[in-house]
Amino acid sequence: MSGSAGAAAASVSSTQPAQEEGMTWWYRWLCRLSGVLGAVSCAISGLFNCITIHPLNIAAGVWMIMNAFILLLCEAPFCCQFVEFANMVAEKVDRLRSWQKAVFYCGMAAVPVVISLTLTTLLGNAIAFATGVLYGLSALGKKGDAISYARIQQQKQQADEEKLTDTLEGEL
């Protein structure tokens, strides 16, 4: 019973920061789905990367498997229900802002590529990197409409003209 109550509390707390940032429900689920798919691709590619005799490939593969575990832990804690601290970590990650998640996920995905630049590491980390990009795009916010943009530009232009006329009148 307490496990289901903890999961319910985690889902309630996860919706609050996302709604404050203006993320829609479908975009939030898209980010979570890409995180889970990124974890699966990292795990599979990490296993293939570890089947070699080159130590850098093995290090990149181990890092990719660790990335897969962290992505699952952060984005889908129900997949890690036997890990005692899973809900606590998921709650803390849900409190992070979108740009912080973007930096964290993109940084995690870039490390194995830097360690060993192979096709397996590139393709395996592509979806995990895309998850970070999706969170980064949500941090940028919604695109403004053309009317609001034109109004802002007109106000700036009027302010510049007023400053120019004030300086010319002050010189006379």
N, C-alpha and C. Protein backbone atom coordinates (compact mmCIF):
# COMPACT_ATOMS: atom_id res chain seq x y z
N MET A 1 0.80 -1.20 0.00
CA MET A 1 0.00 0.00 0.00
C MET A 1 0.84 1.27 0.00
N SER A 2 1.91 1.25 0.82
CA SER A 2 2.73 2.45 0.89
C SER A 2 3.47 2.70 -0.42
N GLY A 3 3.76 1.64 -1.17
CA GLY A 3 4.43 1.82 -2.46
C GLY A 3 3.54 2.52 -3.46
N SER A 4 2.24 2.16 -3.47
CA SER A 4 1.33 2.81 -4.40
C SER A 4 1.05 4.25 -3.97
N ALA A 5 1.03 4.51 -2.66
CA ALA A 5 0.85 5.88 -2.20
C ALA A 5 2.06 6.73 -2.56
N GLY A 6 3.26 6.14 -2.48
CA GLY A 6 4.47 6.88 -2.87
C GLY A 6 4.49 7.17 -4.35
N ALA A 7 4.01 6.22 -5.15
CA ALA A 7 3.96 6.45 -6.60
C ALA A 7 2.94 7.53 -6.93
N ALA A 8 1.80 7.53 -6.21
CA ALA A 8 0.81 8.57 -6.44
C ALA A 8 1.35 9.94 -6.05
N ALA A 9 2.07 10.00 -4.94
CA ALA A 9 2.66 11.27 -4.52
C ALA A 9 3.71 11.73 -5.53
N ALA A 10 4.46 10.79 -6.09
CA ALA A 10 5.46 11.15 -7.10
C ALA A 10 4.80 11.69 -8.36
N SER A 11 3.67 11.09 -8.75
CA SER A 11 3.02 11.57 -9.97
C SER A 11 2.38 12.93 -9.74
N VAL A 12 1.88 13.20 -8.54
CA VAL A 12 1.31 14.51 -8.23
C VAL A 12 2.39 15.57 -8.22
N SER A 13 3.53 15.27 -7.59
CA SER A 13 4.60 16.26 -7.53
C SER A 13 5.27 16.46 -8.89
N SER A 14 5.20 15.46 -9.77
CA SER A 14 5.84 15.62 -11.08
C SER A 14 5.03 16.52 -11.98
N THR A 15 3.72 16.63 -11.75
CA THR A 15 2.92 17.47 -12.63
C THR A 15 3.04 18.93 -12.26
N GLN A 16 3.35 19.25 -11.02
CA GLN A 16 3.39 20.64 -10.61
C GLN A 16 4.51 21.44 -11.27
N PRO A 17 5.78 21.00 -11.28
CA PRO A 17 6.80 21.82 -11.93
C PRO A 17 6.61 21.92 -13.44
N ALA A 18 6.14 20.85 -14.06
CA ALA A 18 5.96 20.87 -15.51
C ALA A 18 4.86 21.85 -15.90
N GLN A 19 3.78 21.91 -15.10
CA GLN A 19 2.71 22.84 -15.42
C GLN A 19 3.14 24.27 -15.16
N GLU A 20 4.02 24.48 -14.19
CA GLU A 20 4.52 25.82 -13.94
C GLU A 20 5.34 26.32 -15.13
N GLU A 21 6.04 25.43 -15.79
CA GLU A 21 6.87 25.82 -16.94
C GLU A 21 6.06 25.90 -18.22
N GLY A 22 4.81 25.51 -18.20
CA GLY A 22 3.97 25.60 -19.37
C GLY A 22 4.05 24.40 -20.29
N MET A 23 4.51 23.26 -19.80
CA MET A 23 4.56 22.05 -20.63
C MET A 23 3.17 21.44 -20.70
N THR A 24 2.75 21.07 -21.88
CA THR A 24 1.46 20.39 -22.02
C THR A 24 1.62 18.94 -21.62
N TRP A 25 0.50 18.30 -21.38
CA TRP A 25 0.55 16.91 -20.92
C TRP A 25 1.14 16.00 -21.98
N TRP A 26 0.85 16.23 -23.25
CA TRP A 26 1.35 15.35 -24.30
C TRP A 26 2.85 15.54 -24.51
N TYR A 27 3.34 16.76 -24.32
CA TYR A 27 4.78 17.00 -24.48
C TYR A 27 5.55 16.37 -23.32
N ARG A 28 4.97 16.42 -22.13
CA ARG A 28 5.60 15.79 -20.98
C ARG A 28 5.70 14.29 -21.19
N TRP A 29 4.63 13.68 -21.72
CA TRP A 29 4.66 12.24 -21.99
C TRP A 29 5.61 11.90 -23.13
N LEU A 30 5.72 12.81 -24.11
CA LEU A 30 6.69 12.60 -25.20
C LEU A 30 8.11 12.59 -24.65
N CYS A 31 8.41 13.51 -23.74
CA CYS A 31 9.74 13.55 -23.12
C CYS A 31 10.01 12.29 -22.32
N ARG A 32 9.02 11.84 -21.58
CA ARG A 32 9.19 10.61 -20.79
C ARG A 32 9.36 9.39 -21.69
N LEU A 33 8.57 9.31 -22.75
CA LEU A 33 8.67 8.18 -23.68
C LEU A 33 10.03 8.17 -24.36
N SER A 34 10.51 9.33 -24.77
CA SER A 34 11.83 9.37 -25.40
C SER A 34 12.91 9.01 -24.40
N GLY A 35 12.72 9.35 -23.13
CA GLY A 35 13.68 8.95 -22.10
C GLY A 35 13.73 7.44 -21.92
N VAL A 36 12.56 6.79 -21.94
CA VAL A 36 12.52 5.33 -21.80
C VAL A 36 13.13 4.67 -23.04
N LEU A 37 12.78 5.16 -24.23
CA LEU A 37 13.37 4.60 -25.46
C LEU A 37 14.88 4.85 -25.51
N GLY A 38 15.30 6.01 -25.02
CA GLY A 38 16.74 6.30 -24.95
C GLY A 38 17.45 5.36 -23.99
N ALA A 39 16.79 5.03 -22.90
CA ALA A 39 17.38 4.08 -21.95
C ALA A 39 17.53 2.70 -22.56
N VAL A 40 16.52 2.27 -23.30
CA VAL A 40 16.58 0.95 -23.95
C VAL A 40 17.69 0.93 -25.00
N SER A 41 17.78 1.99 -25.81
CA SER A 41 18.82 2.01 -26.84
C SER A 41 20.22 2.10 -26.22
N CYS A 42 20.35 2.84 -25.12
CA CYS A 42 21.65 2.92 -24.44
C CYS A 42 22.05 1.56 -23.87
N ALA A 43 21.09 0.86 -23.29
CA ALA A 43 21.40 -0.44 -22.68
C ALA A 43 21.82 -1.46 -23.74
N ILE A 44 21.07 -1.53 -24.83
CA ILE A 44 21.39 -2.50 -25.88
C ILE A 44 22.73 -2.16 -26.53
N SER A 45 22.93 -0.89 -26.86
CA SER A 45 24.20 -0.49 -27.48
C SER A 45 25.36 -0.63 -26.51
N GLY A 46 25.11 -0.38 -25.23
CA GLY A 46 26.16 -0.55 -24.23
C GLY A 46 26.61 -1.99 -24.11
N LEU A 47 25.64 -2.91 -24.19
CA LEU A 47 26.01 -4.33 -24.16
C LEU A 47 26.85 -4.71 -25.37
N PHE A 48 26.44 -4.23 -26.55
CA PHE A 48 27.23 -4.52 -27.76
C PHE A 48 28.61 -3.88 -27.69
N ASN A 49 28.69 -2.72 -27.08
CA ASN A 49 29.98 -2.03 -26.95
C ASN A 49 30.92 -2.77 -26.02
N CYS A 50 30.38 -3.48 -25.04
CA CYS A 50 31.23 -4.19 -24.07
C CYS A 50 31.81 -5.49 -24.64
N ILE A 51 31.30 -5.93 -25.78
CA ILE A 51 31.81 -7.16 -26.39
C ILE A 51 32.97 -6.80 -27.30
N THR A 52 34.11 -6.53 -26.72
CA THR A 52 35.30 -6.14 -27.47
C THR A 52 36.52 -6.29 -26.55
N ILE A 53 37.69 -6.09 -27.15
CA ILE A 53 38.90 -6.14 -26.33
C ILE A 53 39.49 -4.75 -26.11
N HIS A 54 38.88 -3.72 -26.71
CA HIS A 54 39.38 -2.36 -26.55
C HIS A 54 38.84 -1.76 -25.25
N PRO A 55 39.73 -1.31 -24.39
CA PRO A 55 39.28 -0.82 -23.08
C PRO A 55 38.40 0.43 -23.15
N LEU A 56 38.65 1.31 -24.12
CA LEU A 56 37.81 2.51 -24.22
C LEU A 56 36.39 2.16 -24.65
N ASN A 57 36.25 1.17 -25.53
CA ASN A 57 34.90 0.73 -25.91
C ASN A 57 34.17 0.13 -24.71
N ILE A 58 34.90 -0.63 -23.90
CA ILE A 58 34.28 -1.23 -22.72
C ILE A 58 33.86 -0.13 -21.75
N ALA A 59 34.71 0.87 -21.56
CA ALA A 59 34.37 1.98 -20.66
C ALA A 59 33.14 2.74 -21.17
N ALA A 60 33.09 2.97 -22.48
CA ALA A 60 31.92 3.65 -23.05
C ALA A 60 30.67 2.79 -22.90
N GLY A 61 30.81 1.49 -23.06
CA GLY A 61 29.67 0.58 -22.91
C GLY A 61 29.15 0.55 -21.49
N VAL A 62 30.05 0.53 -20.52
CA VAL A 62 29.64 0.55 -19.12
C VAL A 62 28.95 1.88 -18.80
N TRP A 63 29.48 2.97 -19.32
CA TRP A 63 28.87 4.28 -19.11
C TRP A 63 27.47 4.32 -19.73
N MET A 64 27.32 3.71 -20.89
CA MET A 64 26.01 3.70 -21.55
C MET A 64 25.00 2.87 -20.74
N ILE A 65 25.44 1.77 -20.16
CA ILE A 65 24.54 0.97 -19.33
C ILE A 65 24.15 1.76 -18.08
N MET A 66 25.11 2.50 -17.53
CA MET A 66 24.80 3.35 -16.38
C MET A 66 23.82 4.46 -16.78
N ASN A 67 24.00 5.04 -17.97
CA ASN A 67 23.05 6.03 -18.47
C ASN A 67 21.66 5.45 -18.60
N ALA A 68 21.58 4.21 -19.07
CA ALA A 68 20.27 3.57 -19.24
C ALA A 68 19.59 3.43 -17.88
N PHE A 69 20.33 3.02 -16.87
CA PHE A 69 19.75 2.86 -15.55
C PHE A 69 19.28 4.21 -14.99
N ILE A 70 20.10 5.25 -15.16
CA ILE A 70 19.74 6.57 -14.64
C ILE A 70 18.53 7.13 -15.38
N LEU A 71 18.48 6.95 -16.71
CA LEU A 71 17.32 7.43 -17.46
C LEU A 71 16.04 6.73 -17.02
N LEU A 72 16.11 5.42 -16.83
CA LEU A 72 14.93 4.69 -16.36
C LEU A 72 14.55 5.12 -14.95
N LEU A 73 15.54 5.35 -14.14
CA LEU A 73 15.28 5.76 -12.76
C LEU A 73 14.61 7.13 -12.71
N CYS A 74 15.03 8.03 -13.59
CA CYS A 74 14.49 9.39 -13.58
C CYS A 74 13.15 9.49 -14.32
N GLU A 75 13.02 8.85 -15.45
CA GLU A 75 11.84 9.02 -16.29
C GLU A 75 10.75 7.99 -16.04
N ALA A 76 11.10 6.80 -15.61
CA ALA A 76 10.12 5.74 -15.39
C ALA A 76 10.48 4.97 -14.13
N PRO A 77 10.25 5.56 -12.96
CA PRO A 77 10.65 4.88 -11.73
C PRO A 77 9.88 3.60 -11.46
N PHE A 78 8.74 3.42 -12.12
CA PHE A 78 7.99 2.17 -11.93
C PHE A 78 8.73 0.98 -12.53
N CYS A 79 9.65 1.22 -13.43
CA CYS A 79 10.48 0.14 -13.98
C CYS A 79 11.53 -0.33 -12.97
N CYS A 80 11.82 0.51 -12.00
CA CYS A 80 12.82 0.19 -10.98
C CYS A 80 12.15 0.04 -9.62
N GLN A 81 11.03 -0.68 -9.57
CA GLN A 81 10.27 -0.75 -8.34
C GLN A 81 10.98 -1.49 -7.22
N PHE A 82 11.97 -2.31 -7.53
CA PHE A 82 12.69 -3.05 -6.50
C PHE A 82 13.90 -2.28 -5.97
N VAL A 83 14.17 -1.12 -6.53
CA VAL A 83 15.22 -0.25 -6.02
C VAL A 83 14.55 0.68 -5.00
N GLU A 84 15.01 0.63 -3.78
CA GLU A 84 14.33 1.33 -2.69
C GLU A 84 14.29 2.84 -2.86
N PHE A 85 15.33 3.42 -3.41
CA PHE A 85 15.42 4.87 -3.51
C PHE A 85 14.90 5.41 -4.84
N ALA A 86 14.23 4.59 -5.64
CA ALA A 86 13.79 5.01 -6.97
C ALA A 86 12.79 6.16 -6.91
N ASN A 87 11.79 6.06 -6.06
CA ASN A 87 10.79 7.12 -5.99
C ASN A 87 11.37 8.42 -5.46
N MET A 88 12.30 8.33 -4.53
CA MET A 88 12.92 9.53 -3.98
C MET A 88 13.74 10.25 -5.06
N VAL A 89 14.49 9.49 -5.85
CA VAL A 89 15.29 10.09 -6.92
C VAL A 89 14.37 10.70 -7.98
N ALA A 90 13.29 9.98 -8.33
CA ALA A 90 12.36 10.49 -9.34
C ALA A 90 11.70 11.79 -8.89
N GLU A 91 11.36 11.89 -7.60
CA GLU A 91 10.77 13.12 -7.09
C GLU A 91 11.75 14.29 -7.18
N LYS A 92 13.01 14.02 -6.85
CA LYS A 92 14.01 15.08 -6.91
C LYS A 92 14.26 15.52 -8.35
N VAL A 93 14.27 14.57 -9.27
CA VAL A 93 14.49 14.92 -10.67
C VAL A 93 13.29 15.68 -11.22
N ASP A 94 12.09 15.33 -10.78
CA ASP A 94 10.90 16.02 -11.25
C ASP A 94 10.85 17.47 -10.78
N ARG A 95 11.54 17.78 -9.69
CA ARG A 95 11.59 19.15 -9.20
C ARG A 95 12.57 20.02 -9.98
N LEU A 96 13.43 19.39 -10.78
CA LEU A 96 14.39 20.15 -11.58
C LEU A 96 13.67 20.89 -12.70
N ARG A 97 14.23 21.98 -13.12
CA ARG A 97 13.68 22.71 -14.26
C ARG A 97 14.06 22.00 -15.55
N SER A 98 13.36 22.34 -16.61
CA SER A 98 13.58 21.66 -17.89
C SER A 98 15.00 21.86 -18.41
N TRP A 99 15.54 23.07 -18.26
CA TRP A 99 16.89 23.31 -18.79
C TRP A 99 17.93 22.50 -18.01
N GLN A 100 17.68 22.26 -16.72
CA GLN A 100 18.61 21.46 -15.93
C GLN A 100 18.58 20.00 -16.38
N LYS A 101 17.38 19.50 -16.66
CA LYS A 101 17.27 18.14 -17.19
C LYS A 101 17.94 18.04 -18.55
N ALA A 102 17.78 19.08 -19.36
CA ALA A 102 18.38 19.07 -20.70
C ALA A 102 19.89 18.99 -20.63
N VAL A 103 20.48 19.79 -19.77
CA VAL A 103 21.94 19.78 -19.62
C VAL A 103 22.40 18.42 -19.08
N PHE A 104 21.68 17.89 -18.11
CA PHE A 104 22.04 16.61 -17.50
C PHE A 104 21.97 15.47 -18.51
N TYR A 105 20.86 15.37 -19.25
CA TYR A 105 20.69 14.27 -20.20
C TYR A 105 21.63 14.39 -21.39
N CYS A 106 21.81 15.59 -21.91
CA CYS A 106 22.74 15.77 -23.04
C CYS A 106 24.18 15.51 -22.60
N GLY A 107 24.52 15.93 -21.40
CA GLY A 107 25.87 15.67 -20.89
C GLY A 107 26.13 14.19 -20.68
N MET A 108 25.12 13.50 -20.14
CA MET A 108 25.26 12.05 -19.95
C MET A 108 25.44 11.34 -21.28
N ALA A 109 24.72 11.78 -22.29
CA ALA A 109 24.78 11.11 -23.58
C ALA A 109 26.06 11.44 -24.35
N ALA A 110 26.67 12.58 -24.05
CA ALA A 110 27.87 12.98 -24.78
C ALA A 110 29.13 12.29 -24.28
N VAL A 111 29.15 11.89 -23.02
CA VAL A 111 30.37 11.32 -22.44
C VAL A 111 30.81 10.04 -23.15
N PRO A 112 29.93 9.06 -23.41
CA PRO A 112 30.40 7.86 -24.10
C PRO A 112 30.90 8.13 -25.52
N VAL A 113 30.32 9.12 -26.17
CA VAL A 113 30.77 9.46 -27.53
C VAL A 113 32.17 10.06 -27.47
N VAL A 114 32.45 10.83 -26.43
CA VAL A 114 33.79 11.40 -26.27
C VAL A 114 34.80 10.30 -25.92
N ILE A 115 34.37 9.34 -25.10
CA ILE A 115 35.27 8.24 -24.72
C ILE A 115 35.63 7.39 -25.92
N SER A 116 34.62 7.00 -26.71
CA SER A 116 34.85 6.12 -27.85
C SER A 116 33.89 6.51 -28.97
N LEU A 117 34.43 7.16 -29.98
CA LEU A 117 33.60 7.63 -31.09
C LEU A 117 33.43 6.49 -32.10
N THR A 118 32.36 5.73 -31.90
CA THR A 118 32.02 4.66 -32.84
C THR A 118 30.56 4.80 -33.22
N LEU A 119 30.16 4.06 -34.23
CA LEU A 119 28.77 4.11 -34.68
C LEU A 119 27.83 3.60 -33.60
N THR A 120 28.26 2.61 -32.84
CA THR A 120 27.43 2.05 -31.78
C THR A 120 27.16 3.08 -30.69
N THR A 121 28.17 3.83 -30.30
CA THR A 121 27.95 4.84 -29.26
C THR A 121 27.12 6.00 -29.80
N LEU A 122 27.34 6.37 -31.05
CA LEU A 122 26.56 7.47 -31.63
C LEU A 122 25.08 7.11 -31.71
N LEU A 123 24.79 5.94 -32.28
CA LEU A 123 23.39 5.54 -32.44
C LEU A 123 22.74 5.20 -31.11
N GLY A 124 23.49 4.62 -30.21
CA GLY A 124 22.95 4.26 -28.91
C GLY A 124 22.60 5.45 -28.05
N ASN A 125 23.35 6.52 -28.18
CA ASN A 125 23.10 7.71 -27.36
C ASN A 125 22.26 8.76 -28.06
N ALA A 126 21.88 8.52 -29.30
CA ALA A 126 21.12 9.52 -30.06
C ALA A 126 19.77 9.81 -29.42
N ILE A 127 19.05 8.79 -29.01
CA ILE A 127 17.72 9.01 -28.43
C ILE A 127 17.84 9.63 -27.04
N ALA A 128 18.84 9.23 -26.29
CA ALA A 128 19.05 9.84 -24.98
C ALA A 128 19.41 11.33 -25.13
N PHE A 129 20.20 11.65 -26.12
CA PHE A 129 20.53 13.04 -26.40
C PHE A 129 19.29 13.80 -26.86
N ALA A 130 18.46 13.13 -27.67
CA ALA A 130 17.22 13.75 -28.14
C ALA A 130 16.28 14.06 -26.97
N THR A 131 16.31 13.24 -25.93
CA THR A 131 15.51 13.52 -24.74
C THR A 131 15.96 14.83 -24.11
N GLY A 132 17.25 15.03 -24.02
CA GLY A 132 17.76 16.29 -23.50
C GLY A 132 17.38 17.47 -24.37
N VAL A 133 17.40 17.26 -25.67
CA VAL A 133 17.00 18.33 -26.60
C VAL A 133 15.53 18.67 -26.42
N LEU A 134 14.68 17.66 -26.25
CA LEU A 134 13.26 17.92 -26.02
C LEU A 134 13.03 18.72 -24.75
N TYR A 135 13.74 18.37 -23.69
CA TYR A 135 13.62 19.14 -22.45
C TYR A 135 14.16 20.56 -22.65
N GLY A 136 15.21 20.70 -23.43
CA GLY A 136 15.74 22.03 -23.71
C GLY A 136 14.78 22.88 -24.50
N LEU A 137 14.09 22.28 -25.45
CA LEU A 137 13.09 23.03 -26.21
C LEU A 137 11.92 23.46 -25.34
N SER A 138 11.56 22.63 -24.39
CA SER A 138 10.47 23.03 -23.49
C SER A 138 10.92 24.16 -22.58
N ALA A 139 12.19 24.24 -22.28
CA ALA A 139 12.70 25.33 -21.45
C ALA A 139 12.66 26.66 -22.20
N LEU A 140 12.77 26.61 -23.52
CA LEU A 140 12.70 27.84 -24.31
C LEU A 140 11.32 28.46 -24.28
N GLY A 141 10.30 27.64 -24.13
CA GLY A 141 8.93 28.16 -24.06
C GLY A 141 8.26 28.16 -25.42
N LYS A 142 7.04 28.68 -25.39
CA LYS A 142 6.25 28.71 -26.61
C LYS A 142 6.73 29.83 -27.52
N LYS A 143 6.51 29.62 -28.80
CA LYS A 143 6.86 30.63 -29.79
C LYS A 143 5.77 31.70 -29.79
N GLY A 144 6.17 32.95 -29.83
CA GLY A 144 5.20 34.04 -29.84
C GLY A 144 4.57 34.21 -31.21
N ASP A 145 3.42 34.84 -31.24
CA ASP A 145 2.76 35.06 -32.52
C ASP A 145 3.34 36.30 -33.19
N ALA A 146 3.08 36.45 -34.47
CA ALA A 146 3.67 37.52 -35.27
C ALA A 146 3.13 38.89 -34.85
N ILE A 147 1.90 38.95 -34.42
CA ILE A 147 1.30 40.24 -34.04
C ILE A 147 1.98 40.80 -32.80
N SER A 148 2.20 39.94 -31.81
CA SER A 148 2.88 40.40 -30.59
C SER A 148 4.31 40.83 -30.90
N TYR A 149 4.98 40.09 -31.76
CA TYR A 149 6.35 40.43 -32.12
C TYR A 149 6.39 41.77 -32.84
N ALA A 150 5.45 42.02 -33.77
CA ALA A 150 5.41 43.29 -34.50
C ALA A 150 5.12 44.44 -33.55
N ARG A 151 4.24 44.24 -32.58
CA ARG A 151 3.90 45.28 -31.60
C ARG A 151 5.13 45.64 -30.76
N ILE A 152 5.87 44.64 -30.34
CA ILE A 152 7.08 44.88 -29.54
C ILE A 152 8.12 45.65 -30.36
N GLN A 153 8.30 45.27 -31.60
CA GLN A 153 9.25 45.96 -32.46
C GLN A 153 8.84 47.41 -32.70
N GLN A 154 7.53 47.65 -32.86
CA GLN A 154 7.06 49.01 -33.07
C GLN A 154 7.28 49.86 -31.82
N GLN A 155 7.06 49.30 -30.65
CA GLN A 155 7.30 50.03 -29.41
C GLN A 155 8.77 50.36 -29.24
N LYS A 156 9.64 49.43 -29.59
CA LYS A 156 11.08 49.70 -29.51
C LYS A 156 11.49 50.81 -30.47
N GLN A 157 10.92 50.78 -31.67
CA GLN A 157 11.25 51.79 -32.67
C GLN A 157 10.77 53.17 -32.21
N GLN A 158 9.56 53.25 -31.62
CA GLN A 158 9.06 54.52 -31.11
C GLN A 158 9.92 55.03 -29.97
N ALA A 159 10.36 54.15 -29.11
CA ALA A 159 11.21 54.56 -27.99
C ALA A 159 12.54 55.09 -28.51
N ASP A 160 13.10 54.45 -29.52
CA ASP A 160 14.35 54.93 -30.10
C ASP A 160 14.18 56.30 -30.75
N GLU A 161 13.07 56.51 -31.45
CA GLU A 161 12.81 57.81 -32.08
C GLU A 161 12.64 58.90 -31.04
N GLU A 162 11.96 58.58 -29.92
CA GLU A 162 11.78 59.58 -28.86
C GLU A 162 13.12 59.95 -28.22
N LYS A 163 13.99 58.97 -28.04
CA LYS A 163 15.31 59.26 -27.47
C LYS A 163 16.12 60.14 -28.42
N LEU A 164 15.99 59.87 -29.69
CA LEU A 164 16.73 60.64 -30.68
C LEU A 164 16.23 62.08 -30.71
N THR A 165 14.92 62.27 -30.69
CA THR A 165 14.39 63.64 -30.72
C THR A 165 14.73 64.37 -29.42
N ASP A 166 14.74 63.69 -28.28
CA ASP A 166 15.10 64.33 -27.03
C ASP A 166 16.55 64.79 -27.04
N THR A 167 17.43 64.00 -27.59
CA THR A 167 18.84 64.40 -27.63
C THR A 167 19.05 65.56 -28.61
N LEU A 168 18.30 65.56 -29.73
CA LEU A 168 18.43 66.68 -30.69
C LEU A 168 17.88 67.97 -30.11
N GLU A 169 16.76 67.89 -29.37
CA GLU A 169 16.19 69.09 -28.76
C GLU A 169 17.10 69.60 -27.65
N GLY A 170 17.77 68.71 -26.96
CA GLY A 170 18.67 69.11 -25.88
C GLY A 170 19.90 69.85 -26.41
N GLU A 171 20.32 69.53 -27.63
CA GLU A 171 21.49 70.19 -28.21
C GLU A 171 21.16 71.58 -28.72
N LEU A 172 19.90 71.83 -29.06
CA LEU A 172 19.53 73.14 -29.59
C LEU A 172 19.33 74.07 -28.47
